[in-house]
Amino acid sequence: MRKLNYFFNSILFLSVTFLISCSDSSNQENNEAGMKDSLIQITKAQFETEKMQIGDPVLYDFEDVIKSNGYISSPPNGKAQISTQIPGIVKNISKSIGDYVEKGSILCTIESNEIIMIQQDFIETANKLKALTADYNRMKTLNDENITSQKNFMTVESEYKNMQAKYNGLKARIEMLKLNPNNIQEGNVSSSINLYSPINGYITMQNCLLGQYIEPQQVLMQVVDVNKLYLQFFVFEKDIAKLKIGQKVYFYSSDNKSKTLNATVTAIGKSINSTTKSIECKAVINNDDKSSLLDGMYVNVNVVTTKSTALSLPTDAIIKSGNDNFVLQKEKEKNGNYYFIKKPIKIGMSLNGFTEIIDDKNLKNVLIKGIYNLKVE
């Protein structure tokens, strides 16, 4: 009887041991299968074709900014409107919109009968003044010696000074027309005048045609010196306390967000616009190349108020799923293939293509490039 009980106990023990062994084996296989299912496999060919890259978080300078808007403006001495003081006909146009011109460059030529008349009047006046000058000097000598009457001297003196004033006025007018008085006095009369650019810059407006009749003060062209352009922007009342002279500013055009320029705050307004509840500020543009800027161009503005350094990853490396954020972290390499796990992360601020990674100093081997075409669930 004792032997029979021993036999049944032995059978029972072996059965339980076998069942436990099978259960452990099954659990191990399930764990391995679960691990395999949770890994994201990327082949070597796919990795190379998509130009993927693996990297670690890097330190990046994040800046707290005031978002605003504004426009590019030109100071009074950075913009010139070209016009003429006399009526005439457009004889020649030397420059057109978009051309760069230097100070003193000929922009167009105006032909006019009035130009000829002014020069003729100047020559006649110069000749009369020459004769009156001789009479005045002679009468002055006689008056000093009490040979002639004071009345005769005063009459000659008055005629001389009147003619001198007329001469000086005509000479000034001729010089304003950029003509040479000395050449004219020698008989070299011109039927036309050139209009010159008073500043260096680009022609931004043209309002004349060959043969067109123009009136005095009619604006024919406009020249803008892009090197003197500055940024004018507006900040709401709630952000005024954060503004300081010398703060860095980033700005870009809505049509070209990839090209960011920078400036420095130079002036902060002292009055609030009652309608917009904002103040007007100015910033000097720091970029040497301002050729892409246009006078009056609307821009988006970011004023940097504070700056901090933090661990970050490229924003494109972060997978968003609702309110959660993930990255793909390399788990292993096998047979030339890459295996990644989907790892949740906490993120902070984002700036210029980088996003702050919070409380994860051990994060490494992250897929930082080429994730765009991956389908990750």
Protein backbone atom coordinates (compact mmCIF):
# COMPACT_ATOMS: atom_id res chain seq x y z
CA MET A 1 0.00 0.00 0.00
CA ARG A 2 2.83 2.37 0.87
CA LYS A 3 4.51 1.60 -2.47
CA LEU A 4 1.27 2.34 -4.29
CA ASN A 5 0.95 5.77 -2.61
CA TYR A 6 4.57 6.55 -3.46
CA PHE A 7 3.89 5.66 -7.08
CA PHE A 8 0.84 7.96 -7.32
CA ASN A 9 2.70 10.81 -5.59
CA SER A 10 5.57 10.49 -8.05
CA ILE A 11 3.17 10.61 -10.99
CA LEU A 12 1.43 13.68 -9.55
CA PHE A 13 4.74 15.49 -8.98
CA LEU A 14 5.95 14.85 -12.51
CA SER A 15 2.63 16.05 -13.94
CA VAL A 16 2.69 19.32 -11.99
CA THR A 17 6.33 19.92 -12.91
CA PHE A 18 5.54 19.37 -16.59
CA LEU A 19 2.59 21.75 -16.48
CA ILE A 20 4.65 24.49 -14.78
CA SER A 21 7.41 24.05 -17.30
CA CYS A 22 4.98 24.36 -20.19
CA SER A 23 3.41 27.44 -18.61
CA ASP A 24 6.81 29.17 -18.18
CA SER A 25 7.77 28.32 -21.72
CA SER A 26 4.49 29.70 -23.02
CA ASN A 27 4.89 32.93 -21.01
CA GLN A 28 8.43 33.39 -22.28
CA GLU A 29 7.30 32.92 -25.87
CA ASN A 30 4.45 35.37 -25.36
CA ASN A 31 6.81 37.96 -23.85
CA GLU A 32 9.21 37.58 -26.73
CA ALA A 33 6.35 37.88 -29.19
CA GLY A 34 5.05 40.96 -27.38
CA MET A 35 8.50 42.54 -27.45
CA LYS A 36 8.80 41.76 -31.14
CA ASP A 37 5.38 43.27 -31.85
CA SER A 38 6.23 46.49 -29.93
CA LEU A 39 9.41 47.11 -31.90
CA ILE A 40 9.33 49.16 -35.09
CA GLN A 41 11.58 47.64 -37.72
CA ILE A 42 13.32 49.78 -40.32
CA THR A 43 15.40 48.07 -42.98
CA LYS A 44 18.81 49.31 -43.94
CA ALA A 45 17.56 50.14 -47.43
CA GLN A 46 14.65 52.14 -46.04
CA PHE A 47 16.95 53.93 -43.61
CA GLU A 48 19.26 55.00 -46.41
CA THR A 49 16.55 55.85 -48.92
CA GLU A 50 14.74 58.15 -46.49
CA LYS A 51 18.10 59.65 -45.43
CA MET A 52 17.34 58.89 -41.80
CA GLN A 53 19.60 59.93 -38.95
CA ILE A 54 19.97 58.85 -35.35
CA GLY A 55 21.10 61.33 -32.73
CA ASP A 56 20.93 62.48 -29.14
CA PRO A 57 19.25 65.54 -27.59
CA VAL A 58 21.38 68.69 -27.77
CA LEU A 59 21.50 71.90 -25.78
CA TYR A 60 19.63 74.71 -27.49
CA ASP A 61 19.00 78.34 -26.58
CA PHE A 62 15.26 78.90 -26.24
CA GLU A 63 13.90 82.40 -26.20
CA ASP A 64 10.67 83.75 -24.78
CA VAL A 65 9.23 86.15 -27.33
CA ILE A 66 6.52 88.74 -27.85
CA LYS A 67 4.75 88.00 -31.10
CA SER A 68 3.80 91.09 -33.07
CA ASN A 69 3.52 92.48 -36.56
CA GLY A 70 4.85 95.50 -38.34
CA TYR A 71 6.26 96.76 -41.60
CA ILE A 72 9.46 97.91 -43.22
CA SER A 73 9.74 101.68 -43.33
CA SER A 74 12.08 104.26 -44.78
CA PRO A 75 13.32 107.36 -42.91
CA PRO A 76 12.90 110.79 -44.54
CA ASN A 77 16.53 110.80 -45.70
CA GLY A 78 16.24 107.29 -47.14
CA LYS A 79 13.58 107.96 -49.76
CA ALA A 80 13.55 110.49 -52.62
CA GLN A 81 10.84 111.55 -55.05
CA ILE A 82 12.11 112.83 -58.39
CA SER A 83 10.34 115.76 -60.03
CA THR A 84 11.14 118.87 -62.06
CA GLN A 85 10.53 122.55 -61.33
CA ILE A 86 9.52 123.47 -64.86
CA PRO A 87 7.07 122.02 -67.40
CA GLY A 88 8.45 120.07 -70.34
CA ILE A 89 8.56 116.90 -72.41
CA VAL A 90 10.27 113.64 -71.36
CA LYS A 91 13.12 113.31 -73.86
CA ASN A 92 14.95 110.28 -72.45
CA ILE A 93 14.53 107.71 -69.64
CA SER A 94 17.81 106.23 -68.42
CA LYS A 95 16.59 104.02 -65.56
CA SER A 96 13.53 101.93 -64.74
CA ILE A 97 11.86 100.21 -61.77
CA GLY A 98 14.15 97.82 -59.93
CA ASP A 99 17.39 99.43 -61.14
CA TYR A 100 20.01 100.29 -58.56
CA VAL A 101 21.28 103.86 -58.92
CA GLU A 102 24.02 105.79 -57.21
CA LYS A 103 23.75 109.35 -56.00
CA GLY A 104 24.21 111.63 -59.02
CA SER A 105 23.09 109.07 -61.63
CA ILE A 106 21.01 110.44 -64.52
CA LEU A 107 17.44 109.13 -64.29
CA CYS A 108 15.74 110.96 -67.17
CA THR A 109 16.03 114.03 -69.42
CA ILE A 110 13.44 116.81 -69.79
CA GLU A 111 13.24 119.14 -72.80
CA SER A 112 11.53 122.52 -72.48
CA ASN A 113 11.28 125.95 -74.10
CA GLU A 114 11.23 127.43 -70.61
CA ILE A 115 14.73 126.08 -70.04
CA ILE A 116 15.92 128.06 -73.07
CA MET A 117 14.10 131.20 -71.90
CA ILE A 118 15.63 131.03 -68.43
CA GLN A 119 19.14 130.78 -69.91
CA GLN A 120 18.50 133.66 -72.32
CA ASP A 121 17.24 135.81 -69.47
CA PHE A 122 20.30 134.87 -67.43
CA ILE A 123 22.70 135.86 -70.24
CA GLU A 124 20.96 139.21 -70.76
CA THR A 125 20.96 139.88 -67.03
CA ALA A 126 24.64 138.97 -66.77
CA ASN A 127 25.51 141.40 -69.55
CA LYS A 128 23.43 144.20 -68.01
CA LEU A 129 24.98 143.57 -64.62
CA LYS A 130 28.44 143.80 -66.15
CA ALA A 131 27.63 147.25 -67.56
CA LEU A 132 25.90 148.44 -64.39
CA THR A 133 28.84 147.22 -62.31
CA ALA A 134 31.15 149.47 -64.32
CA ASP A 135 28.74 152.43 -63.92
CA TYR A 136 28.35 151.76 -60.21
CA ASN A 137 32.12 151.63 -59.60
CA ARG A 138 32.60 154.85 -61.60
CA MET A 139 29.81 156.69 -59.80
CA LYS A 140 31.03 155.43 -56.44
CA THR A 141 34.47 156.93 -57.13
CA LEU A 142 32.93 160.23 -58.18
CA ASN A 143 30.65 160.24 -55.14
CA ASP A 144 33.58 159.57 -52.81
CA GLU A 145 35.33 162.60 -54.34
CA ASN A 146 32.13 164.70 -54.17
CA ILE A 147 32.20 165.19 -57.93
CA THR A 148 28.65 163.90 -58.55
CA SER A 149 25.44 164.36 -56.63
CA GLN A 150 24.27 161.85 -54.03
CA LYS A 151 21.02 161.46 -55.92
CA ASN A 152 22.72 160.34 -59.13
CA PHE A 153 24.86 157.87 -57.20
CA MET A 154 21.87 156.41 -55.38
CA THR A 155 20.00 155.95 -58.67
CA VAL A 156 22.90 154.02 -60.21
CA GLU A 157 23.41 152.04 -57.00
CA SER A 158 19.74 151.04 -56.92
CA GLU A 159 19.81 149.86 -60.53
CA TYR A 160 23.01 147.95 -59.89
CA LYS A 161 21.69 146.16 -56.78
CA ASN A 162 18.39 145.30 -58.47
CA MET A 163 20.22 143.78 -61.41
CA GLN A 164 22.59 141.95 -59.09
CA ALA A 165 19.62 140.45 -57.21
CA LYS A 166 18.01 139.34 -60.47
CA TYR A 167 21.30 137.84 -61.63
CA ASN A 168 21.79 135.93 -58.38
CA GLY A 169 18.20 134.66 -58.49
CA LEU A 170 18.53 133.42 -62.07
CA LYS A 171 21.90 131.88 -61.28
CA ALA A 172 20.44 130.02 -58.28
CA ARG A 173 17.56 128.77 -60.41
CA ILE A 174 19.94 127.59 -63.12
CA GLU A 175 22.05 125.77 -60.54
CA MET A 176 18.89 124.10 -59.18
CA LEU A 177 18.30 122.82 -62.70
CA LYS A 178 21.84 121.36 -62.57
CA LEU A 179 23.06 123.65 -65.37
CA ASN A 180 26.45 125.38 -65.36
CA PRO A 181 26.10 129.21 -65.11
CA ASN A 182 29.62 129.80 -66.44
CA ASN A 183 28.99 127.77 -69.57
CA ILE A 184 25.71 129.58 -70.17
CA GLN A 185 27.35 133.00 -69.81
CA GLU A 186 29.74 131.94 -72.56
CA GLY A 187 26.73 131.34 -74.82
CA ASN A 188 26.34 127.55 -74.42
CA VAL A 189 22.56 127.26 -74.16
CA SER A 190 20.91 123.88 -73.62
CA SER A 191 17.34 122.91 -74.51
CA SER A 192 17.12 120.15 -71.92
CA ILE A 193 18.01 119.25 -68.36
CA ASN A 194 18.86 115.96 -66.65
CA LEU A 195 17.15 114.76 -63.49
CA TYR A 196 19.59 113.09 -61.10
CA SER A 197 19.18 110.73 -58.17
CA PRO A 198 19.88 112.54 -54.88
CA ILE A 199 20.61 109.28 -53.02
CA ASN A 200 21.90 105.75 -53.51
CA GLY A 201 19.12 103.21 -53.82
CA TYR A 202 16.65 101.30 -55.96
CA ILE A 203 13.97 102.81 -58.18
CA THR A 204 10.68 101.71 -56.65
CA MET A 205 8.27 103.83 -58.70
CA GLN A 206 8.26 105.24 -62.23
CA ASN A 207 5.56 107.54 -63.55
CA CYS A 208 6.80 108.86 -66.89
CA LEU A 209 6.88 107.89 -70.57
CA LEU A 210 8.89 109.11 -73.54
CA GLY A 211 7.23 112.18 -75.05
CA GLN A 212 5.00 112.72 -72.03
CA TYR A 213 4.24 116.31 -71.04
CA ILE A 214 4.94 116.88 -67.37
CA GLU A 215 3.99 119.62 -64.96
CA PRO A 216 6.19 121.18 -62.27
CA GLN A 217 6.41 119.10 -59.05
CA GLN A 218 4.91 116.04 -60.79
CA VAL A 219 6.56 112.95 -59.26
CA LEU A 220 8.29 111.01 -62.04
CA MET A 221 10.29 108.44 -60.07
CA GLN A 222 10.97 107.32 -56.51
CA VAL A 223 14.27 106.03 -55.14
CA VAL A 224 14.61 104.12 -51.86
CA ASP A 225 17.89 103.45 -50.07
CA VAL A 226 17.39 99.91 -48.69
CA ASN A 227 20.40 100.32 -46.40
CA LYS A 228 18.45 102.88 -44.39
CA LEU A 229 15.26 100.85 -44.08
CA TYR A 230 14.18 100.10 -40.52
CA LEU A 231 11.58 97.92 -38.79
CA GLN A 232 8.47 99.54 -37.39
CA PHE A 233 6.29 97.26 -35.24
CA PHE A 234 3.49 97.39 -32.70
CA VAL A 235 3.24 95.84 -29.22
CA PHE A 236 0.05 95.48 -27.22
CA GLU A 237 -0.36 97.25 -23.91
CA LYS A 238 -0.11 94.04 -21.85
CA ASP A 239 3.42 93.36 -23.16
CA ILE A 240 4.86 96.87 -22.86
CA ALA A 241 6.53 96.15 -19.49
CA LYS A 242 8.62 93.39 -21.11
CA LEU A 243 10.12 95.71 -23.73
CA LYS A 244 13.62 97.14 -23.41
CA ILE A 245 15.95 99.07 -25.68
CA GLY A 246 18.56 96.73 -27.17
CA GLN A 247 16.41 93.58 -27.26
CA LYS A 248 16.85 91.23 -30.21
CA VAL A 249 14.10 91.02 -32.80
CA TYR A 250 13.46 88.35 -35.44
CA PHE A 251 11.17 89.12 -38.35
CA TYR A 252 10.11 87.57 -41.62
CA SER A 253 7.70 88.14 -44.47
CA SER A 254 4.53 86.06 -44.65
CA ASP A 255 5.49 85.19 -48.22
CA ASN A 256 8.95 83.94 -47.24
CA LYS A 257 8.89 82.45 -43.75
CA SER A 258 12.13 80.53 -44.32
CA LYS A 259 14.20 83.73 -44.52
CA THR A 260 14.41 85.25 -41.05
CA LEU A 261 16.17 88.58 -40.52
CA ASN A 262 17.16 90.17 -37.22
CA ALA A 263 17.06 93.64 -35.74
CA THR A 264 17.63 95.49 -32.47
CA VAL A 265 15.03 97.58 -30.63
CA THR A 266 16.07 101.25 -30.75
CA ALA A 267 12.91 103.14 -29.79
CA ILE A 268 9.78 102.40 -27.73
CA GLY A 269 6.73 104.61 -28.16
CA LYS A 270 5.44 106.75 -25.30
CA SER A 271 1.75 106.80 -26.19
CA ILE A 272 -0.85 104.05 -26.64
CA ASN A 273 -3.07 104.00 -29.70
CA SER A 274 -6.60 104.22 -28.31
CA THR A 275 -7.99 102.09 -31.14
CA THR A 276 -5.48 99.24 -31.31
CA LYS A 277 -4.30 99.43 -27.65
CA SER A 278 -0.72 99.15 -28.83
CA ILE A 279 2.42 101.26 -28.96
CA GLU A 280 4.68 101.88 -31.93
CA CYS A 281 8.30 100.72 -31.70
CA LYS A 282 11.33 100.89 -33.97
CA ALA A 283 14.26 98.56 -34.55
CA VAL A 284 17.41 98.90 -36.63
CA ILE A 285 17.93 96.03 -39.08
CA ASN A 286 21.24 94.23 -38.50
CA ASN A 287 21.52 92.21 -41.72
CA ASP A 288 23.99 93.59 -44.25
CA ASP A 289 22.00 92.26 -47.20
CA LYS A 290 18.70 94.16 -47.29
CA SER A 291 18.04 93.69 -51.00
CA SER A 292 15.02 91.46 -50.29
CA LEU A 293 13.31 94.14 -48.20
CA LEU A 294 10.67 96.46 -49.64
CA ASP A 295 9.54 99.79 -48.31
CA GLY A 296 6.11 99.24 -46.74
CA MET A 297 6.42 95.42 -46.68
CA TYR A 298 4.31 93.71 -43.97
CA VAL A 299 6.29 91.40 -41.64
CA ASN A 300 5.76 89.10 -38.66
CA VAL A 301 7.82 90.07 -35.63
CA ASN A 302 9.20 88.19 -32.60
CA VAL A 303 10.79 90.29 -29.85
CA VAL A 304 13.10 88.25 -27.59
CA THR A 305 12.50 89.09 -23.92
CA THR A 306 14.20 86.19 -22.07
CA LYS A 307 16.61 83.40 -23.01
CA SER A 308 17.26 79.91 -21.53
CA THR A 309 19.25 76.80 -22.50
CA ALA A 310 17.65 73.33 -22.46
CA LEU A 311 17.93 69.83 -23.92
CA SER A 312 16.11 69.62 -27.23
CA LEU A 313 15.38 67.54 -30.29
CA PRO A 314 14.43 68.58 -33.80
CA THR A 315 10.69 69.23 -33.83
CA ASP A 316 10.32 66.89 -36.81
CA ALA A 317 11.57 64.00 -34.66
CA ILE A 318 8.57 64.22 -32.34
CA ILE A 319 5.41 62.21 -33.03
CA LYS A 320 2.20 63.81 -31.81
CA SER A 321 -0.81 61.69 -30.87
CA GLY A 322 -3.60 63.73 -29.34
CA ASN A 323 -2.16 65.35 -26.23
CA ASP A 324 0.74 62.88 -26.07
CA ASN A 325 4.19 63.12 -27.64
CA PHE A 326 6.57 60.31 -28.58
CA VAL A 327 9.97 59.70 -30.16
CA LEU A 328 11.44 56.58 -31.74
CA GLN A 329 14.40 55.37 -29.68
CA LYS A 330 16.73 52.73 -31.11
CA GLU A 331 16.51 49.49 -29.18
CA LYS A 332 18.90 47.36 -31.21
CA GLU A 333 20.44 46.57 -34.57
CA LYS A 334 20.23 43.13 -36.10
CA ASN A 335 21.17 41.82 -39.54
CA GLY A 336 21.59 45.36 -40.79
CA ASN A 337 18.10 46.39 -39.70
CA TYR A 338 17.16 48.92 -37.03
CA TYR A 339 14.61 48.29 -34.28
CA PHE A 340 12.99 51.20 -32.46
CA ILE A 341 10.59 51.56 -29.56
CA LYS A 342 7.97 54.28 -29.28
CA LYS A 343 8.93 56.25 -26.19
CA PRO A 344 6.65 58.88 -24.58
CA ILE A 345 8.25 62.23 -23.72
CA LYS A 346 7.29 65.55 -22.19
CA ILE A 347 7.99 68.64 -24.26
CA GLY A 348 8.33 72.33 -23.51
CA MET A 349 8.77 75.35 -25.76
CA SER A 350 9.59 75.21 -29.46
CA LEU A 351 11.72 77.61 -31.51
CA ASN A 352 13.24 77.58 -34.98
CA GLY A 353 12.72 73.87 -35.56
CA PHE A 354 13.78 72.65 -32.10
CA THR A 355 11.60 71.52 -29.18
CA GLU A 356 12.56 71.35 -25.51
CA ILE A 357 12.66 67.89 -23.88
CA ILE A 358 11.64 67.96 -20.20
CA ASP A 359 12.93 65.62 -17.45
CA ASP A 360 14.57 63.00 -19.64
CA LYS A 361 18.32 63.42 -19.41
CA ASN A 362 18.99 59.77 -20.34
CA LEU A 363 17.22 59.93 -23.70
CA LYS A 364 19.56 58.94 -26.55
CA ASN A 365 19.74 57.16 -29.92
CA VAL A 366 16.63 58.88 -31.23
CA LEU A 367 15.50 58.87 -34.84
CA ILE A 368 15.86 62.59 -35.55
CA LYS A 369 15.50 62.69 -39.32
CA GLY A 370 13.46 60.83 -41.92
CA ILE A 371 10.51 60.05 -39.67
CA TYR A 372 8.03 61.94 -41.82
CA ASN A 373 7.01 59.02 -44.08
CA LEU A 374 6.84 56.42 -41.31
CA LYS A 375 3.45 55.09 -40.27
CA VAL A 376 3.65 54.80 -36.49
CA GLU A 377 0.60 53.68 -34.52
